[in-house]
Amino acid sequence: MKAIGKKRTAQDLVFNIVNYTVYGLFTIVCVLPFYYLFINTISANDLVSRGQILLVPKGIHFNNYAEILKMRGLGQAALVSVGRTVLGTAGTLLGTSFLGYALSKQEYWHRKIWYRYVVITMYFNAGIIPWFINMKNLGLTNSFWAYVIPAIVSPFSLILYKTYVENIPSSLEESAAMDGAGYLIRFTRIIIPLSKPILATTAIFAAVGQWNSFTDTLFLMTDSTKFTLQYLLYEYMNEANSLADSLMKMSESGVRVDMSSILTATSVKMTVSMVVVLPILCVYPFFQRFFVNGIMIGSVKG
């Protein structure tokens, strides 16, 4: 006996066409800026400066990337950025999961007060000067741990994780408690394995935030060995304008300058932006399958 399949109607066909068209256009809108950025980093720099590169690269070369990779202190700065991203993300995951699990328990002492105390910091802060004084008094100026310690508790991630844990069936923990398992055993052997989607979501947010941050370096670090990659590239982008001015003066004085491959302010900014974005673009696909599930379940209760 043949299985009876559902006959596709004209309305279904129209819906599928509209659906694929809308999401296809949305995908193009998301991808196009990265494509535009990339083709401008490998095209002739003089054409890029004049805005003549739109959809197809012209005068292809990779001199921009070669020059960026020659930056002084780039290796040390990249190491600091990778270190703060890895350790900072791990610290956020540990602090968020542990505190979120504790605050999800009804028997926690004054849990509502402590929960609101943490969440309120999302909306109010003392400002940059009190923050700097506090960090200085804690001895975190010119210290690598200034990148890690303040990120251990993330209020937004705490909300997601706490809500996620509250949706896990309590019977799982109750059965383990009847067998003599304490809170730590239940947390490590039951809750953590079931929390992979929300932990992956938290890891993405934390890693992106750590990788892209440079203002803490700007305010707290004077030791060049503690500079992050983003801060170093930020400084280099600011120097790109003076570089362009010097090249313009050289051209006006009669010195022959090959502007197609020489770095300009525009080419530096675009190449730097590509260098900063590329690592996160490479990491994100590994967490994508957890992301939607984690953000939906962790943000909606019931």
C-alpha atoms as a PDB file:
ATOM      1  CA  MET A   1       0.000   0.000   0.000  1.00  0.00           C
ATOM      2  CA  LYS A   2       1.463   3.299  -1.097  1.00  0.00           C
ATOM      3  CA  ALA A   3       1.822   6.045   1.440  1.00  0.00           C
ATOM      4  CA  ILE A   4      -0.468   8.932   0.713  1.00  0.00           C
ATOM      5  CA  GLY A   5       1.620  12.092   0.388  1.00  0.00           C
ATOM      6  CA  LYS A   6       0.278  15.542   0.969  1.00  0.00           C
ATOM      7  CA  LYS A   7      -0.482  17.262  -2.307  1.00  0.00           C
ATOM      8  CA  ARG A   8       1.269  20.590  -2.664  1.00  0.00           C
ATOM      9  CA  THR A   9      -1.134  23.395  -3.439  1.00  0.00           C
ATOM     10  CA  ALA A  10      -0.506  26.625  -5.317  1.00  0.00           C
ATOM     11  CA  GLN A  11      -0.454  28.460  -2.005  1.00  0.00           C
ATOM     12  CA  ASP A  12       2.344  26.200  -0.744  1.00  0.00           C
ATOM     13  CA  LEU A  13       4.365  26.878  -3.888  1.00  0.00           C
ATOM     14  CA  VAL A  14       3.917  30.627  -3.569  1.00  0.00           C
ATOM     15  CA  PHE A  15       4.841  30.487   0.118  1.00  0.00           C
ATOM     16  CA  ASN A  16       8.036  28.531  -0.616  1.00  0.00           C
ATOM     17  CA  ILE A  17       9.052  30.918  -3.402  1.00  0.00           C
ATOM     18  CA  VAL A  18       8.501  33.977  -1.210  1.00  0.00           C
ATOM     19  CA  ASN A  19      10.186  32.301   1.761  1.00  0.00           C
ATOM     20  CA  TYR A  20      13.310  31.301  -0.161  1.00  0.00           C
ATOM     21  CA  THR A  21      13.471  34.678  -1.896  1.00  0.00           C
ATOM     22  CA  VAL A  22      13.218  36.694   1.324  1.00  0.00           C
ATOM     23  CA  TYR A  23      15.752  34.588   3.222  1.00  0.00           C
ATOM     24  CA  GLY A  24      18.027  34.425   0.180  1.00  0.00           C
ATOM     25  CA  LEU A  25      18.055  38.223  -0.023  1.00  0.00           C
ATOM     26  CA  PHE A  26      18.620  38.430   3.725  1.00  0.00           C
ATOM     27  CA  THR A  27      21.614  36.081   3.403  1.00  0.00           C
ATOM     28  CA  ILE A  28      23.056  38.228   0.621  1.00  0.00           C
ATOM     29  CA  VAL A  29      22.607  41.357   2.750  1.00  0.00           C
ATOM     30  CA  CYS A  30      24.535  39.665   5.586  1.00  0.00           C
ATOM     31  CA  VAL A  31      27.339  38.293   3.406  1.00  0.00           C
ATOM     32  CA  LEU A  32      27.790  41.255   1.068  1.00  0.00           C
ATOM     33  CA  PRO A  33      29.555  43.584   3.572  1.00  0.00           C
ATOM     34  CA  PHE A  34      32.214  40.932   4.291  1.00  0.00           C
ATOM     35  CA  TYR A  35      32.648  40.236   0.584  1.00  0.00           C
ATOM     36  CA  TYR A  36      32.949  43.956  -0.156  1.00  0.00           C
ATOM     37  CA  LEU A  37      35.471  44.346   2.631  1.00  0.00           C
ATOM     38  CA  PHE A  38      37.559  41.426   1.390  1.00  0.00           C
ATOM     39  CA  ILE A  39      37.710  42.439  -2.292  1.00  0.00           C
ATOM     40  CA  ASN A  40      38.794  45.934  -1.266  1.00  0.00           C
ATOM     41  CA  THR A  41      41.690  44.532   0.769  1.00  0.00           C
ATOM     42  CA  ILE A  42      43.095  42.620  -2.238  1.00  0.00           C
ATOM     43  CA  SER A  43      42.419  45.247  -4.919  1.00  0.00           C
ATOM     44  CA  ALA A  44      44.685  48.061  -6.119  1.00  0.00           C
ATOM     45  CA  ASN A  45      44.836  50.566  -3.290  1.00  0.00           C
ATOM     46  CA  ASP A  46      44.547  53.637  -5.504  1.00  0.00           C
ATOM     47  CA  LEU A  47      41.312  52.290  -6.996  1.00  0.00           C
ATOM     48  CA  VAL A  48      40.021  51.495  -3.510  1.00  0.00           C
ATOM     49  CA  SER A  49      40.760  55.037  -2.328  1.00  0.00           C
ATOM     50  CA  ARG A  50      38.752  56.418  -5.250  1.00  0.00           C
ATOM     51  CA  GLY A  51      35.835  54.086  -4.499  1.00  0.00           C
ATOM     52  CA  GLN A  52      36.065  52.223  -7.809  1.00  0.00           C
ATOM     53  CA  ILE A  53      35.849  48.703  -6.330  1.00  0.00           C
ATOM     54  CA  LEU A  54      32.251  47.551  -6.002  1.00  0.00           C
ATOM     55  CA  LEU A  55      31.640  43.887  -6.850  1.00  0.00           C
ATOM     56  CA  VAL A  56      34.731  42.645  -8.697  1.00  0.00           C
ATOM     57  CA  PRO A  57      38.335  42.993  -7.400  1.00  0.00           C
ATOM     58  CA  LYS A  58      40.785  44.786  -9.678  1.00  0.00           C
ATOM     59  CA  GLY A  59      44.583  44.716  -9.598  1.00  0.00           C
ATOM     60  CA  ILE A  60      44.629  41.797  -7.176  1.00  0.00           C
ATOM     61  CA  HIS A  61      47.531  41.717  -4.700  1.00  0.00           C
ATOM     62  CA  PHE A  62      48.073  40.652  -1.088  1.00  0.00           C
ATOM     63  CA  ASN A  63      50.560  43.327  -0.113  1.00  0.00           C
ATOM     64  CA  ASN A  64      48.141  44.821   2.407  1.00  0.00           C
ATOM     65  CA  TYR A  65      48.082  41.637   4.492  1.00  0.00           C
ATOM     66  CA  ALA A  66      51.849  41.246   4.183  1.00  0.00           C
ATOM     67  CA  GLU A  67      52.398  44.793   5.474  1.00  0.00           C
ATOM     68  CA  ILE A  68      49.905  44.407   8.321  1.00  0.00           C
ATOM     69  CA  LEU A  69      51.630  41.200   9.447  1.00  0.00           C
ATOM     70  CA  LYS A  70      54.943  43.109   9.643  1.00  0.00           C
ATOM     71  CA  MET A  71      53.624  45.378  12.385  1.00  0.00           C
ATOM     72  CA  ARG A  72      55.937  45.654  15.371  1.00  0.00           C
ATOM     73  CA  GLY A  73      54.640  43.748  18.370  1.00  0.00           C
ATOM     74  CA  LEU A  74      51.908  42.032  16.385  1.00  0.00           C
ATOM     75  CA  GLY A  75      52.828  38.533  17.617  1.00  0.00           C
ATOM     76  CA  GLN A  76      52.813  39.540  21.292  1.00  0.00           C
ATOM     77  CA  ALA A  77      49.548  41.427  20.890  1.00  0.00           C
ATOM     78  CA  ALA A  78      47.921  38.475  19.126  1.00  0.00           C
ATOM     79  CA  LEU A  79      49.067  36.197  21.947  1.00  0.00           C
ATOM     80  CA  VAL A  80      47.537  38.529  24.543  1.00  0.00           C
ATOM     81  CA  SER A  81      44.253  38.687  22.612  1.00  0.00           C
ATOM     82  CA  VAL A  82      44.057  34.921  22.243  1.00  0.00           C
ATOM     83  CA  GLY A  83      44.927  34.471  25.912  1.00  0.00           C
ATOM     84  CA  ARG A  84      42.293  36.919  27.131  1.00  0.00           C
ATOM     85  CA  THR A  85      39.695  35.397  24.813  1.00  0.00           C
ATOM     86  CA  VAL A  86      40.350  31.832  25.964  1.00  0.00           C
ATOM     87  CA  LEU A  87      40.768  32.551  29.692  1.00  0.00           C
ATOM     88  CA  GLY A  88      38.097  35.257  29.764  1.00  0.00           C
ATOM     89  CA  THR A  89      35.566  33.017  28.043  1.00  0.00           C
ATOM     90  CA  ALA A  90      36.416  30.108  30.354  1.00  0.00           C
ATOM     91  CA  GLY A  91      36.052  32.378  33.390  1.00  0.00           C
ATOM     92  CA  THR A  92      32.691  33.671  32.170  1.00  0.00           C
ATOM     93  CA  LEU A  93      31.419  30.136  31.583  1.00  0.00           C
ATOM     94  CA  LEU A  94      32.554  28.984  35.016  1.00  0.00           C
ATOM     95  CA  GLY A  95      31.259  32.005  36.924  1.00  0.00           C
ATOM     96  CA  THR A  96      27.978  32.256  35.027  1.00  0.00           C
ATOM     97  CA  SER A  97      27.136  28.560  35.244  1.00  0.00           C
ATOM     98  CA  PHE A  98      28.030  28.198  38.934  1.00  0.00           C
ATOM     99  CA  LEU A  99      26.226  31.354  40.064  1.00  0.00           C
ATOM    100  CA  GLY A 100      23.290  30.758  37.728  1.00  0.00           C
ATOM    101  CA  TYR A 101      22.803  27.254  39.104  1.00  0.00           C
ATOM    102  CA  ALA A 102      23.000  28.504  42.693  1.00  0.00           C
ATOM    103  CA  LEU A 103      20.468  31.287  42.084  1.00  0.00           C
ATOM    104  CA  SER A 104      18.052  28.842  40.459  1.00  0.00           C
ATOM    105  CA  LYS A 105      17.586  27.066  43.790  1.00  0.00           C
ATOM    106  CA  GLN A 106      14.642  28.135  45.932  1.00  0.00           C
ATOM    107  CA  GLU A 107      16.559  27.293  49.111  1.00  0.00           C
ATOM    108  CA  TYR A 108      19.396  29.715  48.295  1.00  0.00           C
ATOM    109  CA  TRP A 109      19.619  32.365  51.047  1.00  0.00           C
ATOM    110  CA  HIS A 110      17.884  35.556  49.830  1.00  0.00           C
ATOM    111  CA  ARG A 111      18.377  34.469  46.223  1.00  0.00           C
ATOM    112  CA  LYS A 112      16.029  37.134  44.800  1.00  0.00           C
ATOM    113  CA  ILE A 113      18.014  39.922  46.432  1.00  0.00           C
ATOM    114  CA  TRP A 114      21.345  38.614  45.134  1.00  0.00           C
ATOM    115  CA  TYR A 115      19.902  37.969  41.683  1.00  0.00           C
ATOM    116  CA  ARG A 116      18.510  41.502  41.391  1.00  0.00           C
ATOM    117  CA  TYR A 117      21.767  42.903  42.763  1.00  0.00           C
ATOM    118  CA  VAL A 118      23.669  41.310  39.863  1.00  0.00           C
ATOM    119  CA  VAL A 119      21.090  42.103  37.176  1.00  0.00           C
ATOM    120  CA  ILE A 120      20.820  45.795  38.101  1.00  0.00           C
ATOM    121  CA  THR A 121      24.428  46.288  37.002  1.00  0.00           C
ATOM    122  CA  MET A 122      23.216  45.778  33.414  1.00  0.00           C
ATOM    123  CA  TYR A 123      21.371  49.089  33.602  1.00  0.00           C
ATOM    124  CA  PHE A 124      23.406  51.255  35.962  1.00  0.00           C
ATOM    125  CA  ASN A 125      27.131  51.813  36.412  1.00  0.00           C
ATOM    126  CA  ALA A 126      29.252  54.375  38.217  1.00  0.00           C
ATOM    127  CA  GLY A 127      31.067  55.607  35.112  1.00  0.00           C
ATOM    128  CA  ILE A 128      34.574  55.423  33.719  1.00  0.00           C
ATOM    129  CA  ILE A 129      36.406  57.376  36.438  1.00  0.00           C
ATOM    130  CA  PRO A 130      35.070  55.347  39.433  1.00  0.00           C
ATOM    131  CA  TRP A 131      35.638  52.186  37.395  1.00  0.00           C
ATOM    132  CA  PHE A 132      39.255  53.172  36.725  1.00  0.00           C
ATOM    133  CA  ILE A 133      39.848  54.067  40.399  1.00  0.00           C
ATOM    134  CA  ASN A 134      38.388  50.742  41.458  1.00  0.00           C
ATOM    135  CA  MET A 135      40.545  48.799  38.985  1.00  0.00           C
ATOM    136  CA  LYS A 136      43.631  50.734  40.133  1.00  0.00           C
ATOM    137  CA  ASN A 137      42.925  50.042  43.809  1.00  0.00           C
ATOM    138  CA  LEU A 138      42.537  46.355  42.995  1.00  0.00           C
ATOM    139  CA  GLY A 139      45.978  46.381  41.367  1.00  0.00           C
ATOM    140  CA  LEU A 140      44.640  45.529  37.922  1.00  0.00           C
ATOM    141  CA  THR A 141      46.346  48.299  35.969  1.00  0.00           C
ATOM    142  CA  ASN A 142      49.076  46.924  33.690  1.00  0.00           C
ATOM    143  CA  SER A 143      47.928  43.441  34.636  1.00  0.00           C
ATOM    144  CA  PHE A 144      46.738  40.746  32.262  1.00  0.00           C
ATOM    145  CA  TRP A 145      44.088  39.704  34.820  1.00  0.00           C
ATOM    146  CA  ALA A 146      42.269  42.987  34.211  1.00  0.00           C
ATOM    147  CA  TYR A 147      40.970  41.289  31.066  1.00  0.00           C
ATOM    148  CA  VAL A 148      39.776  38.153  32.843  1.00  0.00           C
ATOM    149  CA  ILE A 149      38.539  38.907  36.381  1.00  0.00           C
ATOM    150  CA  PRO A 150      35.882  41.584  35.586  1.00  0.00           C
ATOM    151  CA  ALA A 151      34.310  39.273  32.995  1.00  0.00           C
ATOM    152  CA  ILE A 152      33.772  36.310  35.331  1.00  0.00           C
ATOM    153  CA  VAL A 153      30.175  37.331  36.090  1.00  0.00           C
ATOM    154  CA  SER A 154      28.128  38.483  33.096  1.00  0.00           C
ATOM    155  CA  PRO A 155      24.613  39.614  34.114  1.00  0.00           C
ATOM    156  CA  PHE A 156      23.104  38.960  30.681  1.00  0.00           C
ATOM    157  CA  SER A 157      24.593  35.470  30.450  1.00  0.00           C
ATOM    158  CA  LEU A 158      23.530  34.833  34.042  1.00  0.00           C
ATOM    159  CA  ILE A 159      19.898  35.530  33.137  1.00  0.00           C
ATOM    160  CA  LEU A 160      20.077  33.136  30.191  1.00  0.00           C
ATOM    161  CA  TYR A 161      21.729  30.358  32.171  1.00  0.00           C
ATOM    162  CA  LYS A 162      19.501  30.658  35.241  1.00  0.00           C
ATOM    163  CA  THR A 163      16.362  30.530  33.094  1.00  0.00           C
ATOM    164  CA  TYR A 164      17.730  27.551  31.173  1.00  0.00           C
ATOM    165  CA  VAL A 165      18.497  25.594  34.346  1.00  0.00           C
ATOM    166  CA  GLU A 166      15.024  26.304  35.730  1.00  0.00           C
ATOM    167  CA  ASN A 167      13.562  24.573  32.653  1.00  0.00           C
ATOM    168  CA  ILE A 168      15.490  21.344  33.314  1.00  0.00           C
ATOM    169  CA  PRO A 169      13.130  18.790  34.951  1.00  0.00           C
ATOM    170  CA  SER A 170      13.655  18.898  38.700  1.00  0.00           C
ATOM    171  CA  SER A 171      13.039  15.133  38.901  1.00  0.00           C
ATOM    172  CA  LEU A 172      16.544  14.528  37.541  1.00  0.00           C
ATOM    173  CA  GLU A 173      18.130  16.271  40.508  1.00  0.00           C
ATOM    174  CA  GLU A 174      15.641  14.844  42.986  1.00  0.00           C
ATOM    175  CA  SER A 175      16.494  11.277  42.003  1.00  0.00           C
ATOM    176  CA  ALA A 176      20.206  12.044  42.303  1.00  0.00           C
ATOM    177  CA  ALA A 177      19.639  13.679  45.705  1.00  0.00           C
ATOM    178  CA  MET A 178      17.841  10.547  46.909  1.00  0.00           C
ATOM    179  CA  ASP A 179      20.998   8.594  46.036  1.00  0.00           C
ATOM    180  CA  GLY A 180      23.058  10.939  48.202  1.00  0.00           C
ATOM    181  CA  ALA A 181      24.416  13.306  45.534  1.00  0.00           C
ATOM    182  CA  GLY A 182      25.152  16.802  46.798  1.00  0.00           C
ATOM    183  CA  TYR A 183      24.807  20.083  44.935  1.00  0.00           C
ATOM    184  CA  LEU A 184      28.306  19.933  43.429  1.00  0.00           C
ATOM    185  CA  ILE A 185      27.824  16.391  42.115  1.00  0.00           C
ATOM    186  CA  ARG A 186      24.450  17.273  40.639  1.00  0.00           C
ATOM    187  CA  PHE A 187      25.857  20.424  39.082  1.00  0.00           C
ATOM    188  CA  THR A 188      28.862  18.751  37.437  1.00  0.00           C
ATOM    189  CA  ARG A 189      27.265  15.441  36.417  1.00  0.00           C
ATOM    190  CA  ILE A 190      23.692  16.421  35.570  1.00  0.00           C
ATOM    191  CA  ILE A 191      23.322  20.154  34.957  1.00  0.00           C
ATOM    192  CA  ILE A 192      26.533  20.849  33.026  1.00  0.00           C
ATOM    193  CA  PRO A 193      26.054  17.994  30.478  1.00  0.00           C
ATOM    194  CA  LEU A 194      22.477  19.176  29.877  1.00  0.00           C
ATOM    195  CA  SER A 195      23.559  22.808  29.508  1.00  0.00           C
ATOM    196  CA  LYS A 196      25.719  22.512  26.392  1.00  0.00           C
ATOM    197  CA  PRO A 197      23.443  24.677  24.181  1.00  0.00           C
ATOM    198  CA  ILE A 198      23.306  27.622  26.596  1.00  0.00           C
ATOM    199  CA  LEU A 199      27.008  27.260  27.441  1.00  0.00           C
ATOM    200  CA  ALA A 200      27.841  27.416  23.724  1.00  0.00           C
ATOM    201  CA  THR A 201      25.684  30.528  23.387  1.00  0.00           C
ATOM    202  CA  THR A 202      27.408  32.142  26.370  1.00  0.00           C
ATOM    203  CA  ALA A 203      30.802  31.178  24.946  1.00  0.00           C
ATOM    204  CA  ILE A 204      30.019  32.953  21.656  1.00  0.00           C
ATOM    205  CA  PHE A 205      28.951  36.161  23.387  1.00  0.00           C
ATOM    206  CA  ALA A 206      31.924  36.099  25.746  1.00  0.00           C
ATOM    207  CA  ALA A 207      34.495  35.262  23.060  1.00  0.00           C
ATOM    208  CA  VAL A 208      33.262  37.973  20.687  1.00  0.00           C
ATOM    209  CA  GLY A 209      33.237  40.522  23.485  1.00  0.00           C
ATOM    210  CA  GLN A 210      36.741  39.622  24.641  1.00  0.00           C
ATOM    211  CA  TRP A 211      38.190  39.527  21.130  1.00  0.00           C
ATOM    212  CA  ASN A 212      36.746  42.887  20.070  1.00  0.00           C
ATOM    213  CA  SER A 213      37.426  44.808  23.281  1.00  0.00           C
ATOM    214  CA  PHE A 214      40.154  47.434  23.321  1.00  0.00           C
ATOM    215  CA  THR A 215      38.850  50.209  25.609  1.00  0.00           C
ATOM    216  CA  ASP A 216      40.073  48.423  28.742  1.00  0.00           C
ATOM    217  CA  THR A 217      43.548  48.352  27.191  1.00  0.00           C
ATOM    218  CA  LEU A 218      43.241  52.048  26.366  1.00  0.00           C
ATOM    219  CA  PHE A 219      42.458  53.013  29.970  1.00  0.00           C
ATOM    220  CA  LEU A 220      44.369  50.426  32.004  1.00  0.00           C
ATOM    221  CA  MET A 221      47.520  49.497  30.085  1.00  0.00           C
ATOM    222  CA  THR A 222      50.694  51.471  29.510  1.00  0.00           C
ATOM    223  CA  ASP A 223      52.951  48.420  29.229  1.00  0.00           C
ATOM    224  CA  SER A 224      53.177  47.571  25.518  1.00  0.00           C
ATOM    225  CA  THR A 225      53.564  43.863  26.308  1.00  0.00           C
ATOM    226  CA  LYS A 226      49.962  43.901  27.621  1.00  0.00           C
ATOM    227  CA  PHE A 227      48.501  45.510  24.503  1.00  0.00           C
ATOM    228  CA  THR A 228      45.871  43.467  22.692  1.00  0.00           C
ATOM    229  CA  LEU A 229      45.728  42.915  18.968  1.00  0.00           C
ATOM    230  CA  GLN A 230      42.655  45.098  18.616  1.00  0.00           C
ATOM    231  CA  TYR A 231      44.301  47.996  20.449  1.00  0.00           C
ATOM    232  CA  LEU A 232      47.446  47.704  18.348  1.00  0.00           C
ATOM    233  CA  LEU A 233      45.413  47.686  15.161  1.00  0.00           C
ATOM    234  CA  TYR A 234      43.355  50.600  16.489  1.00  0.00           C
ATOM    235  CA  GLU A 235      46.537  52.622  16.888  1.00  0.00           C
ATOM    236  CA  TYR A 236      47.696  51.591  13.444  1.00  0.00           C
ATOM    237  CA  MET A 237      44.389  52.692  11.931  1.00  0.00           C
ATOM    238  CA  ASN A 238      44.824  56.114  13.543  1.00  0.00           C
ATOM    239  CA  GLU A 239      48.319  56.324  12.053  1.00  0.00           C
ATOM    240  CA  ALA A 240      46.969  55.405   8.623  1.00  0.00           C
ATOM    241  CA  ASN A 241      45.836  58.976   7.987  1.00  0.00           C
ATOM    242  CA  SER A 242      49.338  60.333   8.621  1.00  0.00           C
ATOM    243  CA  LEU A 243      50.705  57.590   6.361  1.00  0.00           C
ATOM    244  CA  ALA A 244      48.401  58.693   3.569  1.00  0.00           C
ATOM    245  CA  ASP A 245      49.461  62.332   4.041  1.00  0.00           C
ATOM    246  CA  SER A 246      53.161  61.419   3.799  1.00  0.00           C
ATOM    247  CA  LEU A 247      52.559  59.441   0.605  1.00  0.00           C
ATOM    248  CA  MET A 248      50.645  62.358  -0.896  1.00  0.00           C
ATOM    249  CA  LYS A 249      53.546  64.713  -0.108  1.00  0.00           C
ATOM    250  CA  MET A 250      55.992  62.280  -1.690  1.00  0.00           C
ATOM    251  CA  SER A 251      53.895  62.188  -4.870  1.00  0.00           C
ATOM    252  CA  GLU A 252      53.656  65.984  -4.991  1.00  0.00           C
ATOM    253  CA  SER A 253      57.434  66.331  -4.566  1.00  0.00           C
ATOM    254  CA  GLY A 254      58.056  64.198  -7.647  1.00  0.00           C
ATOM    255  CA  VAL A 255      58.956  60.942  -5.902  1.00  0.00           C
ATOM    256  CA  ARG A 256      57.533  57.971  -7.823  1.00  0.00           C
ATOM    257  CA  VAL A 257      55.097  56.062  -5.603  1.00  0.00           C
ATOM    258  CA  ASP A 258      53.205  52.959  -6.723  1.00  0.00           C
ATOM    259  CA  MET A 259      49.853  53.723  -5.111  1.00  0.00           C
ATOM    260  CA  SER A 260      48.355  50.443  -6.319  1.00  0.00           C
ATOM    261  CA  SER A 261      50.236  48.441  -3.701  1.00  0.00           C
ATOM    262  CA  ILE A 262      51.301  51.071  -1.145  1.00  0.00           C
ATOM    263  CA  LEU A 263      49.149  51.157   1.977  1.00  0.00           C
ATOM    264  CA  THR A 264      46.655  54.001   2.189  1.00  0.00           C
ATOM    265  CA  ALA A 265      44.339  55.044   4.995  1.00  0.00           C
ATOM    266  CA  THR A 266      41.381  53.275   3.394  1.00  0.00           C
ATOM    267  CA  SER A 267      43.273  50.065   2.633  1.00  0.00           C
ATOM    268  CA  VAL A 268      44.697  49.922   6.166  1.00  0.00           C
ATOM    269  CA  LYS A 269      41.260  50.352   7.758  1.00  0.00           C
ATOM    270  CA  MET A 270      39.698  47.675   5.585  1.00  0.00           C
ATOM    271  CA  THR A 271      42.557  45.212   5.996  1.00  0.00           C
ATOM    272  CA  VAL A 272      42.635  45.730   9.746  1.00  0.00           C
ATOM    273  CA  SER A 273      38.879  45.194   9.929  1.00  0.00           C
ATOM    274  CA  MET A 274      39.233  41.948   7.991  1.00  0.00           C
ATOM    275  CA  VAL A 275      42.041  40.728  10.243  1.00  0.00           C
ATOM    276  CA  VAL A 276      39.928  41.427  13.334  1.00  0.00           C
ATOM    277  CA  VAL A 277      36.750  39.801  12.008  1.00  0.00           C
ATOM    278  CA  LEU A 278      38.300  36.689  10.430  1.00  0.00           C
ATOM    279  CA  PRO A 279      39.078  34.699  13.641  1.00  0.00           C
ATOM    280  CA  ILE A 280      35.530  35.090  14.960  1.00  0.00           C
ATOM    281  CA  LEU A 281      34.109  34.081  11.589  1.00  0.00           C
ATOM    282  CA  CYS A 282      36.180  30.902  11.779  1.00  0.00           C
ATOM    283  CA  VAL A 283      35.077  30.064  15.330  1.00  0.00           C
ATOM    284  CA  TYR A 284      31.345  30.767  15.002  1.00  0.00           C
ATOM    285  CA  PRO A 285      30.398  27.794  12.725  1.00  0.00           C
ATOM    286  CA  PHE A 286      31.550  25.334  15.406  1.00  0.00           C
ATOM    287  CA  PHE A 287      28.996  26.761  17.873  1.00  0.00           C
ATOM    288  CA  GLN A 288      26.197  27.552  15.418  1.00  0.00           C
ATOM    289  CA  ARG A 289      24.239  24.341  15.946  1.00  0.00           C
ATOM    290  CA  PHE A 290      23.977  25.117  19.678  1.00  0.00           C
ATOM    291  CA  PHE A 291      23.323  28.816  19.294  1.00  0.00           C
ATOM    292  CA  VAL A 292      19.638  28.976  18.278  1.00  0.00           C
ATOM    293  CA  ASN A 293      18.567  26.287  20.739  1.00  0.00           C
ATOM    294  CA  GLY A 294      20.479  27.897  23.586  1.00  0.00           C
ATOM    295  CA  ILE A 295      19.316  31.460  23.021  1.00  0.00           C
ATOM    296  CA  MET A 296      15.642  30.449  22.657  1.00  0.00           C
ATOM    297  CA  ILE A 297      15.429  28.067  25.604  1.00  0.00           C
ATOM    298  CA  GLY A 298      17.599  30.259  27.820  1.00  0.00           C
ATOM    299  CA  SER A 299      15.578  33.400  27.188  1.00  0.00           C
ATOM    300  CA  VAL A 300      12.014  32.117  27.488  1.00  0.00           C
ATOM    301  CA  LYS A 301      10.680  30.427  30.583  1.00  0.00           C
ATOM    302  CA  GLY A 302       7.781  28.023  30.513  1.00  0.00           C
END
